[in-house]
Amino acid sequence: VYENPPDLVEWLASEMKTYGVKPEIEAFDLSHIYQAKA
């Protein structure tokens, strides 16, 4: 299982904001696109 728990995802996104890094959303599932929107 490729684990990406919500708390880790939020922390990584926060670090990217802090350092001005643009994320590339890796969508392995349709739900991941909707999560990026949320």
Full PDB file with SEQRES, HELIX, SHEET, SSBOND, CRYST1, ORIGX, SCALE, CONECT and MASTER records, all heavy atoms in Angstrom:
SEQRES   1 A   38  VAL TYR GLU ASN PRO PRO ASP LEU VAL GLU TRP LEU ALA          
SEQRES   2 A   38  SER GLU MET LYS THR TYR GLY VAL LYS PRO GLU ILE GLU          
SEQRES   3 A   38  ALA PHE ASP LEU SER HIS ILE TYR GLN ALA LYS ALA              
HELIX    1 AA1 PRO A    6  THR A   18  1                                  13    
HELIX    2 AA2 LEU A   30  LYS A   37  1                                   8    
CRYST1    1.000    1.000    1.000  90.00  90.00  90.00 P 1           1          
ORIGX1      1.000000  0.000000  0.000000        0.00000                         
ORIGX2      0.000000  1.000000  0.000000        0.00000                         
ORIGX3      0.000000  0.000000  1.000000        0.00000                         
SCALE1      1.000000  0.000000  0.000000        0.00000                         
SCALE2      0.000000  1.000000  0.000000        0.00000                         
SCALE3      0.000000  0.000000  1.000000        0.00000                         
ATOM      1  N   VAL A   1       0.853  -1.186   0.000  1.00  0.00           N  
ATOM      2  CA  VAL A   1       0.000   0.000   0.000  1.00  0.00           C  
ATOM      3  C   VAL A   1       0.890   1.237   0.000  1.00  0.00           C  
ATOM      4  O   VAL A   1       1.820   1.344   0.814  1.00  0.00           O  
ATOM      5  CB  VAL A   1      -0.924   0.020   1.231  1.00  0.00           C  
ATOM      6  CG1 VAL A   1      -1.730   1.312   1.268  1.00  0.00           C  
ATOM      7  CG2 VAL A   1      -1.848  -1.189   1.214  1.00  0.00           C  
ATOM      8  N   TYR A   2       0.618   2.153  -0.922  1.00  0.00           N  
ATOM      9  CA  TYR A   2       1.326   3.431  -0.947  1.00  0.00           C  
ATOM     10  C   TYR A   2       0.558   4.374  -0.031  1.00  0.00           C  
ATOM     11  O   TYR A   2      -0.485   4.905  -0.409  1.00  0.00           O  
ATOM     12  CB  TYR A   2       1.383   3.965  -2.379  1.00  0.00           C  
ATOM     13  CG  TYR A   2       2.097   5.289  -2.536  1.00  0.00           C  
ATOM     14  CD1 TYR A   2       3.093   5.699  -1.657  1.00  0.00           C  
ATOM     15  CD2 TYR A   2       1.779   6.120  -3.598  1.00  0.00           C  
ATOM     16  CE1 TYR A   2       3.748   6.900  -1.817  1.00  0.00           C  
ATOM     17  CE2 TYR A   2       2.434   7.331  -3.773  1.00  0.00           C  
ATOM     18  CZ  TYR A   2       3.414   7.714  -2.883  1.00  0.00           C  
ATOM     19  OH  TYR A   2       4.054   8.919  -3.047  1.00  0.00           O  
ATOM     20  N   GLU A   3       1.074   4.541   1.174  1.00  0.00           N  
ATOM     21  CA  GLU A   3       0.347   5.267   2.214  1.00  0.00           C  
ATOM     22  C   GLU A   3       0.637   6.767   2.157  1.00  0.00           C  
ATOM     23  O   GLU A   3       1.787   7.193   2.221  1.00  0.00           O  
ATOM     24  CB  GLU A   3       0.722   4.723   3.600  1.00  0.00           C  
ATOM     25  CG  GLU A   3       0.288   3.291   3.819  1.00  0.00           C  
ATOM     26  CD  GLU A   3       0.552   2.835   5.241  1.00  0.00           C  
ATOM     27  OE1 GLU A   3       0.620   3.689   6.147  1.00  0.00           O  
ATOM     28  OE2 GLU A   3       0.686   1.621   5.440  1.00  0.00           O  
ATOM     29  N   ASN A   4      -0.442   7.546   2.054  1.00  0.00           N  
ATOM     30  CA  ASN A   4      -0.372   8.996   2.114  1.00  0.00           C  
ATOM     31  C   ASN A   4      -1.479   9.483   3.045  1.00  0.00           C  
ATOM     32  O   ASN A   4      -2.527   9.965   2.600  1.00  0.00           O  
ATOM     33  CB  ASN A   4      -0.526   9.599   0.712  1.00  0.00           C  
ATOM     34  CG  ASN A   4       0.662   9.271  -0.174  1.00  0.00           C  
ATOM     35  OD1 ASN A   4       1.739   9.796   0.002  1.00  0.00           O  
ATOM     36  ND2 ASN A   4       0.449   8.358  -1.120  1.00  0.00           N  
ATOM     37  N   PRO A   5      -1.276   9.335   4.369  1.00  0.00           N  
ATOM     38  CA  PRO A   5      -2.311   9.710   5.325  1.00  0.00           C  
ATOM     39  C   PRO A   5      -2.580  11.204   5.297  1.00  0.00           C  
ATOM     40  O   PRO A   5      -1.691  12.011   4.987  1.00  0.00           O  
ATOM     41  CB  PRO A   5      -1.728   9.273   6.668  1.00  0.00           C  
ATOM     42  CG  PRO A   5      -0.253   9.184   6.444  1.00  0.00           C  
ATOM     43  CD  PRO A   5      -0.073   8.801   5.010  1.00  0.00           C  
ATOM     44  N   PRO A   6      -3.813  11.624   5.605  1.00  0.00           N  
ATOM     45  CA  PRO A   6      -4.185  13.031   5.496  1.00  0.00           C  
ATOM     46  C   PRO A   6      -3.277  13.984   6.263  1.00  0.00           C  
ATOM     47  O   PRO A   6      -2.960  15.074   5.758  1.00  0.00           O  
ATOM     48  CB  PRO A   6      -5.615  13.055   6.047  1.00  0.00           C  
ATOM     49  CG  PRO A   6      -6.154  11.693   5.745  1.00  0.00           C  
ATOM     50  CD  PRO A   6      -4.990  10.776   5.928  1.00  0.00           C  
ATOM     51  N   ASP A   7      -2.826  13.601   7.465  1.00  0.00           N  
ATOM     52  CA  ASP A   7      -1.992  14.529   8.227  1.00  0.00           C  
ATOM     53  C   ASP A   7      -0.644  14.752   7.549  1.00  0.00           C  
ATOM     54  O   ASP A   7      -0.114  15.870   7.556  1.00  0.00           O  
ATOM     55  CB  ASP A   7      -1.804  14.042   9.668  1.00  0.00           C  
ATOM     56  CG  ASP A   7      -1.176  12.659   9.770  1.00  0.00           C  
ATOM     57  OD1 ASP A   7      -1.162  11.925   8.759  1.00  0.00           O  
ATOM     58  OD2 ASP A   7      -0.703  12.310  10.864  1.00  0.00           O  
ATOM     59  N   LEU A   8      -0.083  13.711   6.934  1.00  0.00           N  
ATOM     60  CA  LEU A   8       1.182  13.876   6.219  1.00  0.00           C  
ATOM     61  C   LEU A   8       0.987  14.711   4.953  1.00  0.00           C  
ATOM     62  O   LEU A   8       1.806  15.586   4.640  1.00  0.00           O  
ATOM     63  CB  LEU A   8       1.778  12.515   5.863  1.00  0.00           C  
ATOM     64  CG  LEU A   8       3.081  12.563   5.053  1.00  0.00           C  
ATOM     65  CD1 LEU A   8       4.183  13.311   5.804  1.00  0.00           C  
ATOM     66  CD2 LEU A   8       3.540  11.152   4.682  1.00  0.00           C  
ATOM     67  N   VAL A   9      -0.098  14.451   4.226  1.00  0.00           N  
ATOM     68  CA  VAL A   9      -0.380  15.230   3.020  1.00  0.00           C  
ATOM     69  C   VAL A   9      -0.504  16.714   3.358  1.00  0.00           C  
ATOM     70  O   VAL A   9       0.062  17.578   2.679  1.00  0.00           O  
ATOM     71  CB  VAL A   9      -1.666  14.721   2.334  1.00  0.00           C  
ATOM     72  CG1 VAL A   9      -2.067  15.635   1.187  1.00  0.00           C  
ATOM     73  CG2 VAL A   9      -1.471  13.286   1.826  1.00  0.00           C  
ATOM     74  N   GLU A  10      -1.224  17.008   4.433  1.00  0.00           N  
ATOM     75  CA  GLU A  10      -1.397  18.411   4.831  1.00  0.00           C  
ATOM     76  C   GLU A  10      -0.069  19.040   5.233  1.00  0.00           C  
ATOM     77  O   GLU A  10       0.201  20.207   4.914  1.00  0.00           O  
ATOM     78  CB  GLU A  10      -2.400  18.511   5.989  1.00  0.00           C  
ATOM     79  CG  GLU A  10      -3.825  18.119   5.614  1.00  0.00           C  
ATOM     80  CD  GLU A  10      -4.479  19.083   4.635  1.00  0.00           C  
ATOM     81  OE1 GLU A  10      -4.085  20.267   4.593  1.00  0.00           O  
ATOM     82  OE2 GLU A  10      -5.395  18.645   3.911  1.00  0.00           O  
ATOM     83  N   TRP A  11       0.771  18.278   5.927  1.00  0.00           N  
ATOM     84  CA  TRP A  11       2.070  18.815   6.339  1.00  0.00           C  
ATOM     85  C   TRP A  11       2.962  19.083   5.127  1.00  0.00           C  
ATOM     86  O   TRP A  11       3.599  20.145   5.036  1.00  0.00           O  
ATOM     87  CB  TRP A  11       2.768  17.842   7.291  1.00  0.00           C  
ATOM     88  CG  TRP A  11       4.107  18.371   7.744  1.00  0.00           C  
ATOM     89  CD1 TRP A  11       4.349  19.265   8.738  1.00  0.00           C  
ATOM     90  CD2 TRP A  11       5.382  18.034   7.179  1.00  0.00           C  
ATOM     91  NE1 TRP A  11       5.694  19.521   8.833  1.00  0.00           N  
ATOM     92  CE2 TRP A  11       6.362  18.776   7.889  1.00  0.00           C  
ATOM     93  CE3 TRP A  11       5.811  17.188   6.155  1.00  0.00           C  
ATOM     94  CZ2 TRP A  11       7.726  18.679   7.603  1.00  0.00           C  
ATOM     95  CZ3 TRP A  11       7.157  17.099   5.864  1.00  0.00           C  
ATOM     96  CH2 TRP A  11       8.103  17.842   6.582  1.00  0.00           C  
ATOM     97  N   LEU A  12       3.014  18.133   4.189  1.00  0.00           N  
ATOM     98  CA  LEU A  12       3.818  18.339   2.985  1.00  0.00           C  
ATOM     99  C   LEU A  12       3.330  19.563   2.206  1.00  0.00           C  
ATOM    100  O   LEU A  12       4.140  20.384   1.749  1.00  0.00           O  
ATOM    101  CB  LEU A  12       3.766  17.094   2.095  1.00  0.00           C  
ATOM    102  CG  LEU A  12       4.530  15.863   2.594  1.00  0.00           C  
ATOM    103  CD1 LEU A  12       4.164  14.644   1.754  1.00  0.00           C  
ATOM    104  CD2 LEU A  12       6.034  16.104   2.563  1.00  0.00           C  
ATOM    105  N   ALA A  13       2.013  19.696   2.068  1.00  0.00           N  
ATOM    106  CA  ALA A  13       1.460  20.855   1.351  1.00  0.00           C  
ATOM    107  C   ALA A  13       1.817  22.148   2.071  1.00  0.00           C  
ATOM    108  O   ALA A  13       2.147  23.167   1.429  1.00  0.00           O  
ATOM    109  CB  ALA A  13      -0.048  20.710   1.221  1.00  0.00           C  
ATOM    110  N   SER A  14       1.764  22.136   3.395  1.00  0.00           N  
ATOM    111  CA  SER A  14       2.105  23.324   4.171  1.00  0.00           C  
ATOM    112  C   SER A  14       3.571  23.703   3.982  1.00  0.00           C  
ATOM    113  O   SER A  14       3.906  24.894   3.831  1.00  0.00           O  
ATOM    114  CB  SER A  14       1.813  23.075   5.650  1.00  0.00           C  
ATOM    115  OG  SER A  14       2.219  24.175   6.440  1.00  0.00           O  
ATOM    116  N   GLU A  15       4.453  22.710   3.997  1.00  0.00           N  
ATOM    117  CA  GLU A  15       5.872  22.977   3.771  1.00  0.00           C  
ATOM    118  C   GLU A  15       6.101  23.554   2.372  1.00  0.00           C  
ATOM    119  O   GLU A  15       6.924  24.458   2.181  1.00  0.00           O  
ATOM    120  CB  GLU A  15       6.691  21.692   3.941  1.00  0.00           C  
ATOM    121  CG  GLU A  15       6.818  21.219   5.371  1.00  0.00           C  
ATOM    122  CD  GLU A  15       7.724  22.109   6.191  1.00  0.00           C  
ATOM    123  OE1 GLU A  15       8.953  22.007   6.063  1.00  0.00           O  
ATOM    124  OE2 GLU A  15       7.176  22.931   6.968  1.00  0.00           O  
ATOM    125  N   MET A  16       5.382  23.045   1.379  1.00  0.00           N  
ATOM    126  CA  MET A  16       5.524  23.569   0.024  1.00  0.00           C  
ATOM    127  C   MET A  16       5.090  25.033  -0.040  1.00  0.00           C  
ATOM    128  O   MET A  16       5.740  25.861  -0.698  1.00  0.00           O  
ATOM    129  CB  MET A  16       4.739  22.697  -0.961  1.00  0.00           C  
ATOM    130  CG  MET A  16       5.335  21.304  -1.139  1.00  0.00           C  
ATOM    131  SD  MET A  16       4.434  20.275  -2.327  1.00  0.00           S  
ATOM    132  CE  MET A  16       5.109  18.652  -1.928  1.00  0.00           C  
ATOM    133  N   LYS A  17       4.012  25.377   0.644  1.00  0.00           N  
ATOM    134  CA  LYS A  17       3.580  26.777   0.704  1.00  0.00           C  
ATOM    135  C   LYS A  17       4.642  27.641   1.385  1.00  0.00           C  
ATOM    136  O   LYS A  17       4.968  28.738   0.919  1.00  0.00           O  
ATOM    137  CB  LYS A  17       2.254  26.905   1.447  1.00  0.00           C  
ATOM    138  CG  LYS A  17       1.034  26.505   0.657  1.00  0.00           C  
ATOM    139  CD  LYS A  17      -0.248  26.808   1.415  1.00  0.00           C  
ATOM    140  CE  LYS A  17      -0.474  28.297   1.564  1.00  0.00           C  
ATOM    141  NZ  LYS A  17      -1.784  28.601   2.190  1.00  0.00           N  
ATOM    142  N   THR A  18       5.177  27.148   2.474  1.00  0.00           N  
ATOM    143  CA  THR A  18       6.162  27.911   3.239  1.00  0.00           C  
ATOM    144  C   THR A  18       7.381  28.254   2.399  1.00  0.00           C  
ATOM    145  O   THR A  18       7.902  29.391   2.464  1.00  0.00           O  
ATOM    146  CB  THR A  18       6.606  27.113   4.482  1.00  0.00           C  
ATOM    147  OG1 THR A  18       5.492  26.948   5.349  1.00  0.00           O  
ATOM    148  CG2 THR A  18       7.723  27.827   5.227  1.00  0.00           C  
ATOM    149  N   TYR A  19       7.829  27.323   1.578  1.00  0.00           N  
ATOM    150  CA  TYR A  19       9.065  27.513   0.830  1.00  0.00           C  
ATOM    151  C   TYR A  19       8.835  27.878  -0.642  1.00  0.00           C  
ATOM    152  O   TYR A  19       9.785  27.898  -1.427  1.00  0.00           O  
ATOM    153  CB  TYR A  19       9.943  26.263   0.948  1.00  0.00           C  
ATOM    154  CG  TYR A  19      10.403  26.031   2.371  1.00  0.00           C  
ATOM    155  CD1 TYR A  19       9.848  25.021   3.149  1.00  0.00           C  
ATOM    156  CD2 TYR A  19      11.357  26.863   2.959  1.00  0.00           C  
ATOM    157  CE1 TYR A  19      10.255  24.823   4.465  1.00  0.00           C  
ATOM    158  CE2 TYR A  19      11.764  26.678   4.271  1.00  0.00           C  
ATOM    159  CZ  TYR A  19      11.205  25.655   5.023  1.00  0.00           C  
ATOM    160  OH  TYR A  19      11.604  25.467   6.327  1.00  0.00           O  
ATOM    161  N   GLY A  20       7.600  28.180  -1.007  1.00  0.00           N  
ATOM    162  CA  GLY A  20       7.317  28.624  -2.368  1.00  0.00           C  
ATOM    163  C   GLY A  20       7.512  27.556  -3.422  1.00  0.00           C  
ATOM    164  O   GLY A  20       7.954  27.844  -4.534  1.00  0.00           O  
ATOM    165  N   VAL A  21       7.160  26.319  -3.076  1.00  0.00           N  
ATOM    166  CA  VAL A  21       7.317  25.180  -3.981  1.00  0.00           C  
ATOM    167  C   VAL A  21       5.954  24.835  -4.570  1.00  0.00           C  
ATOM    168  O   VAL A  21       4.991  24.619  -3.831  1.00  0.00           O  
ATOM    169  CB  VAL A  21       7.875  23.961  -3.218  1.00  0.00           C  
ATOM    170  CG1 VAL A  21       8.045  22.768  -4.160  1.00  0.00           C  
ATOM    171  CG2 VAL A  21       9.192  24.310  -2.529  1.00  0.00           C  
ATOM    172  N   LYS A  22       5.870  24.751  -5.890  1.00  0.00           N  
ATOM    173  CA  LYS A  22       4.588  24.380  -6.516  1.00  0.00           C  
ATOM    174  C   LYS A  22       4.445  22.868  -6.528  1.00  0.00           C  
ATOM    175  O   LYS A  22       5.313  22.160  -7.056  1.00  0.00           O  
ATOM    176  CB  LYS A  22       4.489  24.910  -7.943  1.00  0.00           C  
ATOM    177  CG  LYS A  22       3.114  24.623  -8.573  1.00  0.00           C  
ATOM    178  CD  LYS A  22       2.994  25.211  -9.957  1.00  0.00           C  
ATOM    179  CE  LYS A  22       1.604  24.938 -10.549  1.00  0.00           C  
ATOM    180  NZ  LYS A  22       0.537  25.670  -9.850  1.00  0.00           N  
ATOM    181  N   PRO A  23       3.364  22.342  -5.956  1.00  0.00           N  
ATOM    182  CA  PRO A  23       3.173  20.892  -5.995  1.00  0.00           C  
ATOM    183  C   PRO A  23       2.673  20.413  -7.354  1.00  0.00           C  
ATOM    184  O   PRO A  23       1.916  21.108  -8.033  1.00  0.00           O  
ATOM    185  CB  PRO A  23       2.123  20.642  -4.914  1.00  0.00           C  
ATOM    186  CG  PRO A  23       1.400  21.930  -4.754  1.00  0.00           C  
ATOM    187  CD  PRO A  23       2.337  23.022  -5.161  1.00  0.00           C  
ATOM    188  N   GLU A  24       3.151  19.246  -7.737  1.00  0.00           N  
ATOM    189  CA  GLU A  24       2.538  18.516  -8.844  1.00  0.00           C  
ATOM    190  C   GLU A  24       1.724  17.395  -8.202  1.00  0.00           C  
ATOM    191  O   GLU A  24       2.273  16.546  -7.511  1.00  0.00           O  
ATOM    192  CB  GLU A  24       3.582  17.929  -9.788  1.00  0.00           C  
ATOM    193  CG  GLU A  24       2.958  17.111 -10.921  1.00  0.00           C  
ATOM    194  CD  GLU A  24       3.999  16.499 -11.829  1.00  0.00           C  
ATOM    195  OE1 GLU A  24       4.508  15.409 -11.487  1.00  0.00           O  
ATOM    196  OE2 GLU A  24       4.311  17.105 -12.870  1.00  0.00           O  
ATOM    197  N   ILE A  25       0.414  17.426  -8.398  1.00  0.00           N  
ATOM    198  CA  ILE A  25      -0.472  16.447  -7.781  1.00  0.00           C  
ATOM    199  C   ILE A  25      -0.380  15.131  -8.546  1.00  0.00           C  
ATOM    200  O   ILE A  25      -0.708  15.062  -9.727  1.00  0.00           O  
ATOM    201  CB  ILE A  25      -1.933  16.951  -7.776  1.00  0.00           C  
ATOM    202  CG1 ILE A  25      -2.033  18.329  -7.121  1.00  0.00           C  
ATOM    203  CG2 ILE A  25      -2.842  15.935  -7.100  1.00  0.00           C  
ATOM    204  CD1 ILE A  25      -1.558  18.395  -5.697  1.00  0.00           C  
ATOM    205  N   GLU A  26       0.078  14.084  -7.843  1.00  0.00           N  
ATOM    206  CA  GLU A  26       0.204  12.773  -8.470  1.00  0.00           C  
ATOM    207  C   GLU A  26      -1.114  12.030  -8.280  1.00  0.00           C  
ATOM    208  O   GLU A  26      -1.407  11.554  -7.177  1.00  0.00           O  
ATOM    209  CB  GLU A  26       1.355  11.995  -7.841  1.00  0.00           C  
ATOM    210  CG  GLU A  26       2.684  12.732  -7.799  1.00  0.00           C  
ATOM    211  CD  GLU A  26       3.253  13.029  -9.162  1.00  0.00           C  
ATOM    212  OE1 GLU A  26       2.916  12.299 -10.121  1.00  0.00           O  
ATOM    213  OE2 GLU A  26       4.019  13.984  -9.286  1.00  0.00           O  
ATOM    214  N   ALA A  27      -1.911  11.950  -9.320  1.00  0.00           N  
ATOM    215  CA  ALA A  27      -3.249  11.349  -9.223  1.00  0.00           C  
ATOM    216  C   ALA A  27      -3.195   9.887  -9.651  1.00  0.00           C  
ATOM    217  O   ALA A  27      -3.074   9.577 -10.839  1.00  0.00           O  
ATOM    218  CB  ALA A  27      -4.232  12.132 -10.080  1.00  0.00           C  
ATOM    219  N   PHE A  28      -3.282   9.002  -8.682  1.00  0.00           N  
ATOM    220  CA  PHE A  28      -3.348   7.562  -8.931  1.00  0.00           C  
ATOM    221  C   PHE A  28      -4.789   7.070  -8.925  1.00  0.00           C  
ATOM    222  O   PHE A  28      -5.041   5.882  -9.120  1.00  0.00           O  
ATOM    223  CB  PHE A  28      -2.562   6.803  -7.861  1.00  0.00           C  
ATOM    224  CG  PHE A  28      -1.080   7.049  -7.881  1.00  0.00           C  
ATOM    225  CD1 PHE A  28      -0.536   8.101  -7.166  1.00  0.00           C  
ATOM    226  CD2 PHE A  28      -0.227   6.237  -8.614  1.00  0.00           C  
ATOM    227  CE1 PHE A  28       0.835   8.329  -7.155  1.00  0.00           C  
ATOM    228  CE2 PHE A  28       1.138   6.455  -8.618  1.00  0.00           C  
ATOM    229  CZ  PHE A  28       1.673   7.507  -7.899  1.00  0.00           C  
ATOM    230  N   ASP A  29      -5.724   7.997  -8.666  1.00  0.00           N  
ATOM    231  CA  ASP A  29      -7.127   7.624  -8.504  1.00  0.00           C  
ATOM    232  C   ASP A  29      -7.963   8.886  -8.748  1.00  0.00           C  
ATOM    233  O   ASP A  29      -7.480  10.007  -8.519  1.00  0.00           O  
ATOM    234  CB  ASP A  29      -7.349   7.100  -7.079  1.00  0.00           C  
ATOM    235  CG  ASP A  29      -8.764   6.614  -6.841  1.00  0.00           C  
ATOM    236  OD1 ASP A  29      -9.021   5.431  -7.130  1.00  0.00           O  
ATOM    237  OD2 ASP A  29      -9.593   7.407  -6.374  1.00  0.00           O  
ATOM    238  N   LEU A  30      -9.190   8.708  -9.193  1.00  0.00           N  
ATOM    239  CA  LEU A  30     -10.061   9.859  -9.449  1.00  0.00           C  
ATOM    240  C   LEU A  30     -10.257  10.695  -8.190  1.00  0.00           C  
ATOM    241  O   LEU A  30     -10.313  11.931  -8.255  1.00  0.00           O  
ATOM    242  CB  LEU A  30     -11.413   9.379  -9.979  1.00  0.00           C  
ATOM    243  CG  LEU A  30     -12.424  10.460 -10.353  1.00  0.00           C  
ATOM    244  CD1 LEU A  30     -11.905  11.351 -11.471  1.00  0.00           C  
ATOM    245  CD2 LEU A  30     -13.753   9.824 -10.760  1.00  0.00           C  
ATOM    246  N   SER A  31     -10.336  10.044  -7.040  1.00  0.00           N  
ATOM    247  CA  SER A  31     -10.551  10.775  -5.796  1.00  0.00           C  
ATOM    248  C   SER A  31      -9.420  11.743  -5.501  1.00  0.00           C  
ATOM    249  O   SER A  31      -9.618  12.764  -4.828  1.00  0.00           O  
ATOM    250  CB  SER A  31     -10.707   9.806  -4.622  1.00  0.00           C  
ATOM    251  OG  SER A  31      -9.511   9.080  -4.403  1.00  0.00           O  
ATOM    252  N   HIS A  32      -8.229  11.470  -6.013  1.00  0.00           N  
ATOM    253  CA  HIS A  32      -7.092  12.346  -5.754  1.00  0.00           C  
ATOM    254  C   HIS A  32      -7.266  13.702  -6.451  1.00  0.00           C  
ATOM    255  O   HIS A  32      -6.796  14.731  -5.943  1.00  0.00           O  
ATOM    256  CB  HIS A  32      -5.801  11.680  -6.207  1.00  0.00           C  
ATOM    257  CG  HIS A  32      -5.507  10.406  -5.472  1.00  0.00           C  
ATOM    258  ND1 HIS A  32      -4.499   9.547  -5.853  1.00  0.00           N  
ATOM    259  CD2 HIS A  32      -6.096   9.832  -4.387  1.00  0.00           C  
ATOM    260  CE1 HIS A  32      -4.471   8.507  -5.030  1.00  0.00           C  
ATOM    261  NE2 HIS A  32      -5.441   8.661  -4.152  1.00  0.00           N  
ATOM    262  N   ILE A  33      -7.932  13.712  -7.584  1.00  0.00           N  
ATOM    263  CA  ILE A  33      -8.193  14.979  -8.269  1.00  0.00           C  
ATOM    264  C   ILE A  33      -9.196  15.796  -7.459  1.00  0.00           C  
ATOM    265  O   ILE A  33      -9.025  17.017  -7.273  1.00  0.00           O  
ATOM    266  CB  ILE A  33      -8.701  14.734  -9.698  1.00  0.00           C  
ATOM    267  CG1 ILE A  33      -7.698  13.885 -10.490  1.00  0.00           C  
ATOM    268  CG2 ILE A  33      -8.936  16.070 -10.413  1.00  0.00           C  
ATOM    269  CD1 ILE A  33      -8.148  13.523 -11.881  1.00  0.00           C  
ATOM    270  N   TYR A  34     -10.211  15.141  -6.949  1.00  0.00           N  
ATOM    271  CA  TYR A  34     -11.188  15.837  -6.108  1.00  0.00           C  
ATOM    272  C   TYR A  34     -10.556  16.314  -4.794  1.00  0.00           C  
ATOM    273  O   TYR A  34     -10.897  17.387  -4.286  1.00  0.00           O  
ATOM    274  CB  TYR A  34     -12.392  14.939  -5.831  1.00  0.00           C  
ATOM    275  CG  TYR A  34     -13.367  14.897  -6.981  1.00  0.00           C  
ATOM    276  CD1 TYR A  34     -13.251  13.944  -7.978  1.00  0.00           C  
ATOM    277  CD2 TYR A  34     -14.395  15.837  -7.085  1.00  0.00           C  
ATOM    278  CE1 TYR A  34     -14.135  13.911  -9.051  1.00  0.00           C  
ATOM    279  CE2 TYR A  34     -15.280  15.813  -8.147  1.00  0.00           C  
ATOM    280  CZ  TYR A  34     -15.148  14.847  -9.120  1.00  0.00           C  
ATOM    281  OH  TYR A  34     -16.019  14.822 -10.185  1.00  0.00           O  
ATOM    282  N   GLN A  35      -9.637  15.534  -4.254  1.00  0.00           N  
ATOM    283  CA  GLN A  35      -8.946  15.963  -3.040  1.00  0.00           C  
ATOM    284  C   GLN A  35      -8.100  17.202  -3.311  1.00  0.00           C  
ATOM    285  O   GLN A  35      -8.033  18.115  -2.474  1.00  0.00           O  
ATOM    286  CB  GLN A  35      -8.077  14.826  -2.502  1.00  0.00           C  
ATOM    287  CG  GLN A  35      -7.260  15.168  -1.263  1.00  0.00           C  
ATOM    288  CD  GLN A  35      -8.113  15.487  -0.045  1.00  0.00           C  
ATOM    289  OE1 GLN A  35      -9.328  15.313  -0.060  1.00  0.00           O  
ATOM    290  NE2 GLN A  35      -7.481  15.962   1.017  1.00  0.00           N  
ATOM    291  N   ALA A  36      -7.446  17.260  -4.464  1.00  0.00           N  
ATOM    292  CA  ALA A  36      -6.667  18.448  -4.817  1.00  0.00           C  
ATOM    293  C   ALA A  36      -7.572  19.675  -4.914  1.00  0.00           C  
ATOM    294  O   ALA A  36      -7.196  20.777  -4.485  1.00  0.00           O  
ATOM    295  CB  ALA A  36      -5.940  18.227  -6.141  1.00  0.00           C  
ATOM    296  N   LYS A  37      -8.758  19.501  -5.458  1.00  0.00           N  
ATOM    297  CA  LYS A  37      -9.712  20.602  -5.535  1.00  0.00           C  
ATOM    298  C   LYS A  37     -10.108  21.066  -4.141  1.00  0.00           C  
ATOM    299  O   LYS A  37     -10.149  22.276  -3.854  1.00  0.00           O  
ATOM    300  CB  LYS A  37     -10.946  20.150  -6.324  1.00  0.00           C  
ATOM    301  CG  LYS A  37     -12.128  21.126  -6.309  1.00  0.00           C  
ATOM    302  CD  LYS A  37     -11.790  22.462  -6.950  1.00  0.00           C  
ATOM    303  CE  LYS A  37     -13.060  23.310  -7.094  1.00  0.00           C  
ATOM    304  NZ  LYS A  37     -12.756  24.690  -7.534  1.00  0.00           N  
ATOM    305  N   ALA A  38     -10.410  20.125  -3.232  1.00  0.00           N  
ATOM    306  CA  ALA A  38     -10.795  20.486  -1.869  1.00  0.00           C  
ATOM    307  C   ALA A  38      -9.664  21.215  -1.161  1.00  0.00           C  
ATOM    308  O   ALA A  38      -9.890  22.205  -0.440  1.00  0.00           O  
ATOM    309  CB  ALA A  38     -11.191  19.235  -1.091  1.00  0.00           C  
TER     310      ALA A  38                                                      
MASTER        0    0    0    2    0    0    0    6  309    1    0    3          
END                                                                             
